[in-house]
Every structure is written in structure tokens, then in C-alpha cells.
Amino acid sequence: MTSERPEIRASDAERERVAERLREAVAEGRLDMEEFDERLEAALKARTHGELAPLVRDLPAPGTTTDVARAPETDGSDYAARTGRSQATSRGAFAFWGGFGRKGTWTVGRAFTAVVLQAGGEIDLREARFEDRDVVIRCFTVMGGVQVVVPPDMDVEVRGFGLMGGFAETGEAEGPVSPASPRVIVTGFALMGGVGVERKLRGADKRRLKEERKRARLEKKAHREELD
């Protein structure tokens, strides 16, 4: 007589590790958003190891790459090394009747999820570093809003959907996309709220333009004095 071995129960930490694998997969383009949503929901509801394992069975182990994806220009670890930081300092934010802010020098995870309920949030990428070349920022708003601020030369694609709300991009890209720019996708869902992507100059660029305008005024003034 044989007895079946009981299924090992999954811990919260194990569910979160699987969820993180899924976030990395969607950021790398291995999963589309529909697959990601289905698997993430299943991971959060999973009670045993047997329910978790199939969700990541067809995904590569963390930190590895396949032969077909070994080109230097798409190597995430190489990008992290060139940008000076490999460990994300933030992978998400939540606000309810309040707000959140991510700005200054911080490192964006491969997948960043922002959720606001009757609240607001700001995600400023102008001085940020990035864990990988491909980054997905998912924004979910209910009667609230999220403002994503990017520099003019960043490669950004807006894909979100709004119901009695919307996703909007303001400001024009100045010149070609920077070769050092990550590829950022802003997506998600806005209900009676909105997500805005705005292009603004970096602080250093603002100071440079201010100095150039001041120099031009001084040169113009000096020229007039010479004529007098």
C-alpha cells in the first residue's frame, strides 16, 4: 500500500518570488500583458508548490539568458553596469487618500507598479537609473492620478486605457532618442482618473540653458556698448 505525499504549502515569500519572475518576464517581452495578469493572479492565489511551479516553468532562471538573446545591445546586465547600478531601489508604490513620490536619484526596477485610490503619485525618471534596458511602468488609478515625468530624449511608449479617464503624453521629444536611454513602456488602467506622461528638462539641462541665455544677454549688451 502506498500513500501519496502531501503537497508542500507555498509561503508568502515564495509567491512573491514567483510574482517577481513574472514581472521580469513581462518587462523582457517574454509575456504579454494578458498572460502576465493571468499568471500573476494565479500566483497570488496559489496554495501549494505544485500550483506555483507551472507558472514559471517556461521562463529562464533569474540572471540567465538564452543564446538567441545574447546580443550585447539587449543584455540587461550590461546596461545596468553601464548605468552604474544593478539593484532596484523601488519596484512599486501605493497611495490611498494621500500620495507618493519617486524622484531624484533612484533605481527603477524592470517592472514598476503604481496603484492609487482617490490619491495621486509622481514618478520622476529624469535623474533615475534603471535596472534593465527594458522597463514596464504599470499604473492603476481609481479617482486619482499618476504623473510620469521623463526627459525629452527618453524612449517612451504609452499604452494605457482609460474609462472616464485617460492616458496622455505632453511635451515633444527633442531630437533623436539618446543611445543610453532605456525603453520605457507606460501602461495600465485609469478609472475616473488619469495618467500623464510629461517631458521636462533635467535639472542640469535647465541650468545649462539658463547659463547660455545669460551669456547671450551679456554678449549682446557688450556688443551694444562697443557700438556706442
Protein backbone atom coordinates (compact mmCIF):
# COMPACT_ATOMS: atom_id res chain seq x y z
CA MET A 1 0.00 0.00 0.00
CA THR A 2 1.38 3.40 -0.97
CA SER A 3 0.44 6.74 0.39
CA GLU A 4 0.53 9.99 -1.54
CA ARG A 5 2.94 12.63 -0.32
CA PRO A 6 1.10 15.77 0.75
CA GLU A 7 1.61 18.89 -1.32
CA ILE A 8 4.01 21.38 0.26
CA ARG A 9 2.28 24.61 1.15
CA ALA A 10 3.58 27.76 -0.52
CA SER A 11 4.76 30.65 1.64
CA ASP A 12 4.12 34.36 1.06
CA ALA A 13 7.81 34.79 0.20
CA GLU A 14 7.63 32.05 -2.43
CA ARG A 15 4.54 33.59 -4.00
CA GLU A 16 6.30 36.96 -4.13
CA ARG A 17 9.39 35.40 -5.78
CA VAL A 18 7.20 33.90 -8.50
CA ALA A 19 5.41 37.24 -8.94
CA GLU A 20 8.78 38.97 -9.37
CA ARG A 21 9.83 36.39 -12.01
CA LEU A 22 6.61 37.21 -13.88
CA ARG A 23 7.25 40.96 -13.65
CA GLU A 24 10.72 40.46 -15.10
CA ALA A 25 9.29 38.31 -17.89
CA VAL A 26 6.76 40.93 -18.98
CA ALA A 27 9.44 43.64 -18.86
CA GLU A 28 11.64 41.49 -21.14
CA GLY A 29 8.78 40.84 -23.55
CA ARG A 30 8.53 37.12 -22.76
CA LEU A 31 4.90 37.51 -21.63
CA ASP A 32 2.21 39.80 -22.95
CA MET A 33 0.06 41.76 -20.52
CA GLU A 34 -2.85 39.29 -20.69
CA GLU A 35 -0.59 36.33 -19.87
CA PHE A 36 1.08 38.31 -17.12
CA ASP A 37 -2.25 39.25 -15.49
CA GLU A 38 -3.50 35.64 -15.60
CA ARG A 39 -0.31 34.18 -14.15
CA LEU A 40 0.07 36.87 -11.51
CA GLU A 41 -3.48 36.28 -10.29
CA ALA A 42 -2.83 32.53 -10.15
CA ALA A 43 0.45 33.08 -8.26
CA LEU A 44 -1.18 35.25 -5.61
CA LYS A 45 -3.92 32.64 -5.11
CA ALA A 46 -1.62 29.59 -5.15
CA ARG A 47 -1.65 27.47 -2.01
CA THR A 48 0.99 24.85 -2.89
CA HIS A 49 4.31 24.47 -4.71
CA GLY A 50 2.52 22.39 -7.33
CA GLU A 51 0.35 25.37 -8.24
CA LEU A 52 3.29 27.80 -8.40
CA ALA A 53 5.77 25.74 -10.44
CA PRO A 54 3.87 25.68 -13.78
CA LEU A 55 3.58 29.48 -13.77
CA VAL A 56 7.33 29.96 -14.35
CA ARG A 57 8.30 26.59 -15.87
CA ASP A 58 8.72 28.06 -19.38
CA LEU A 59 10.71 31.10 -18.18
CA PRO A 60 14.51 31.23 -17.85
CA ALA A 61 16.05 31.27 -14.40
CA PRO A 62 16.88 34.73 -13.00
CA GLY A 63 20.20 36.10 -14.18
CA THR A 64 20.46 33.80 -17.21
CA THR A 65 19.98 34.40 -20.90
CA THR A 66 19.38 32.26 -23.97
CA ASP A 67 21.71 32.01 -26.96
CA VAL A 68 19.23 33.82 -29.19
CA ALA A 69 19.08 36.77 -26.77
CA ARG A 70 22.78 37.17 -26.06
CA ALA A 71 23.37 40.23 -28.24
CA PRO A 72 25.31 42.90 -26.29
CA GLU A 73 22.86 45.66 -27.15
CA THR A 74 19.98 43.86 -25.41
CA ASP A 75 21.89 42.50 -22.43
CA GLY A 76 20.19 43.89 -19.35
CA SER A 77 23.13 43.21 -17.02
CA ASP A 78 25.43 45.12 -19.37
CA TYR A 79 23.02 48.05 -19.38
CA ALA A 80 22.88 48.02 -15.59
CA ALA A 81 26.67 48.04 -15.43
CA ARG A 82 26.90 50.98 -17.84
CA THR A 83 24.35 52.97 -15.85
CA GLY A 84 26.18 52.29 -12.60
CA ARG A 85 23.51 50.44 -10.65
CA SER A 86 22.11 46.93 -10.86
CA GLN A 87 19.82 46.65 -7.85
CA ALA A 88 16.41 48.32 -7.97
CA THR A 89 15.61 50.63 -5.07
CA SER A 90 11.88 50.62 -5.82
CA ARG A 91 9.53 48.29 -7.70
CA GLY A 92 6.18 49.82 -6.83
CA ALA A 93 4.12 52.37 -4.95
CA PHE A 94 0.65 52.58 -3.42
CA ALA A 95 -1.41 55.54 -2.23
CA PHE A 96 -4.87 55.77 -0.69
CA TRP A 97 -6.24 59.21 0.25
CA GLY A 98 -2.76 60.59 0.00
CA GLY A 99 0.15 60.48 -2.39
CA PHE A 100 3.56 59.08 -3.20
CA GLY A 101 6.65 60.35 -4.97
CA ARG A 102 9.65 58.76 -6.61
CA LYS A 103 12.14 61.38 -7.74
CA GLY A 104 15.78 62.32 -7.70
CA THR A 105 18.45 59.62 -7.99
CA TRP A 106 16.74 56.25 -7.60
CA THR A 107 16.88 52.94 -9.47
CA VAL A 108 13.76 51.75 -11.28
CA GLY A 109 13.03 48.02 -11.31
CA ARG A 110 12.38 46.14 -14.54
CA ALA A 111 8.70 46.25 -13.66
CA PHE A 112 7.29 49.07 -11.54
CA THR A 113 3.63 49.01 -10.45
CA ALA A 114 1.83 52.09 -9.12
CA VAL A 115 -1.67 51.90 -7.60
CA VAL A 116 -3.59 54.97 -6.41
CA LEU A 117 -7.09 55.08 -4.93
CA GLN A 118 -8.51 58.59 -4.57
CA ALA A 119 -4.92 59.76 -4.40
CA GLY A 120 -2.03 60.94 -6.52
CA GLY A 121 1.51 59.99 -7.32
CA GLU A 122 4.59 61.25 -9.15
CA ILE A 123 7.19 59.08 -10.89
CA ASP A 124 10.10 61.26 -11.99
CA LEU A 125 12.54 59.43 -14.27
CA ARG A 126 14.75 62.39 -15.21
CA GLU A 127 17.54 61.58 -12.75
CA ALA A 128 16.69 57.89 -12.30
CA ARG A 129 18.83 54.88 -13.10
CA PHE A 130 17.40 51.68 -14.47
CA GLU A 131 17.83 48.04 -13.51
CA ASP A 132 17.39 46.92 -17.12
CA ARG A 133 17.21 48.32 -20.64
CA ASP A 134 13.50 47.43 -20.94
CA VAL A 135 11.23 48.82 -18.22
CA VAL A 136 7.45 48.50 -17.81
CA ILE A 137 5.64 51.01 -15.59
CA ARG A 138 2.09 49.85 -14.84
CA CYS A 139 -0.25 52.50 -13.41
CA PHE A 140 -3.68 51.72 -11.98
CA THR A 141 -5.75 54.68 -10.83
CA VAL A 142 -9.25 54.94 -9.37
CA MET A 143 -10.45 58.52 -8.90
CA GLY A 144 -6.87 59.66 -8.79
CA GLY A 145 -3.87 60.31 -10.95
CA VAL A 146 -0.24 59.46 -11.61
CA GLN A 147 2.22 61.84 -13.27
CA VAL A 148 5.22 60.29 -15.01
CA VAL A 149 7.98 62.81 -15.77
CA VAL A 150 10.62 61.90 -18.35
CA PRO A 151 13.44 63.81 -20.09
CA PRO A 152 12.91 64.91 -23.72
CA ASP A 153 15.36 62.31 -25.13
CA MET A 154 13.92 59.22 -23.42
CA ASP A 155 12.38 56.35 -25.43
CA VAL A 156 8.82 56.16 -24.04
CA GLU A 157 5.71 54.38 -25.30
CA VAL A 158 2.27 55.00 -23.75
CA ARG A 159 -0.22 52.10 -23.99
CA GLY A 160 -2.70 52.61 -21.15
CA PHE A 161 -6.50 52.53 -21.25
CA GLY A 162 -8.90 54.89 -19.51
CA LEU A 163 -12.59 54.67 -18.60
CA MET A 164 -14.00 58.11 -17.80
CA GLY A 165 -10.33 58.99 -17.58
CA GLY A 166 -7.31 58.57 -19.75
CA PHE A 167 -3.62 58.35 -20.53
CA ALA A 168 -1.94 61.39 -22.09
CA GLU A 169 1.55 62.40 -23.17
CA THR A 170 2.60 66.06 -23.25
CA GLY A 171 5.75 67.73 -24.45
CA GLU A 172 7.78 66.98 -27.53
CA ALA A 173 10.82 64.75 -27.81
CA GLU A 174 13.82 66.96 -28.61
CA GLY A 175 15.98 65.42 -31.29
CA PRO A 176 16.74 61.70 -31.56
CA VAL A 177 16.37 59.28 -28.67
CA SER A 178 19.53 59.07 -26.59
CA PRO A 179 21.59 55.88 -27.23
CA ALA A 180 21.82 55.48 -23.45
CA SER A 181 18.04 55.68 -22.98
CA PRO A 182 16.11 52.73 -21.60
CA ARG A 183 12.96 51.59 -23.43
CA VAL A 184 10.10 52.57 -21.11
CA ILE A 185 6.52 51.37 -21.59
CA VAL A 186 3.83 53.14 -19.55
CA THR A 187 0.65 51.08 -19.40
CA GLY A 188 -2.24 50.26 -17.08
CA PHE A 189 -5.81 51.37 -16.43
CA ALA A 190 -7.40 54.61 -15.26
CA LEU A 191 -10.96 54.74 -13.90
CA MET A 192 -12.32 58.25 -13.36
CA GLY A 193 -8.74 59.40 -13.18
CA GLY A 194 -5.71 59.80 -15.33
CA VAL A 195 -2.09 59.03 -16.03
CA GLY A 196 0.03 61.74 -17.61
CA VAL A 197 3.45 61.37 -19.19
CA GLU A 198 5.22 64.72 -19.37
CA ARG A 199 8.57 65.53 -20.94
CA LYS A 200 10.65 68.01 -18.96
CA LEU A 201 14.28 69.04 -19.00
CA ARG A 202 16.66 67.59 -16.44
CA GLY A 203 17.95 69.94 -13.77
CA ALA A 204 21.41 70.07 -15.35
CA ASP A 205 19.92 70.93 -18.75
CA LYS A 206 17.82 73.72 -17.22
CA ARG A 207 20.92 75.21 -15.60
CA ARG A 208 22.86 74.93 -18.87
CA LEU A 209 20.14 76.73 -20.83
CA LYS A 210 19.90 79.42 -18.16
CA GLU A 211 23.65 79.98 -18.35
CA GLU A 212 23.53 80.10 -22.16
CA ARG A 213 20.74 82.71 -22.11
CA LYS A 214 22.66 84.78 -19.55
CA ARG A 215 25.81 84.56 -21.65
CA ALA A 216 23.87 85.60 -24.77
CA ARG A 217 22.45 88.67 -22.94
CA LEU A 218 25.89 89.70 -21.74
CA GLU A 219 27.37 89.32 -25.21
CA LYS A 220 24.52 91.34 -26.71
CA LYS A 221 25.00 94.05 -24.08
CA ALA A 222 28.75 94.13 -24.72
CA HIS A 223 28.13 94.42 -28.46
CA ARG A 224 25.80 97.41 -27.96
CA GLU A 225 28.37 99.11 -25.74
CA GLU A 226 31.01 98.66 -28.43
CA LEU A 227 28.71 100.29 -30.99
CA ASP A 228 28.07 103.23 -28.66
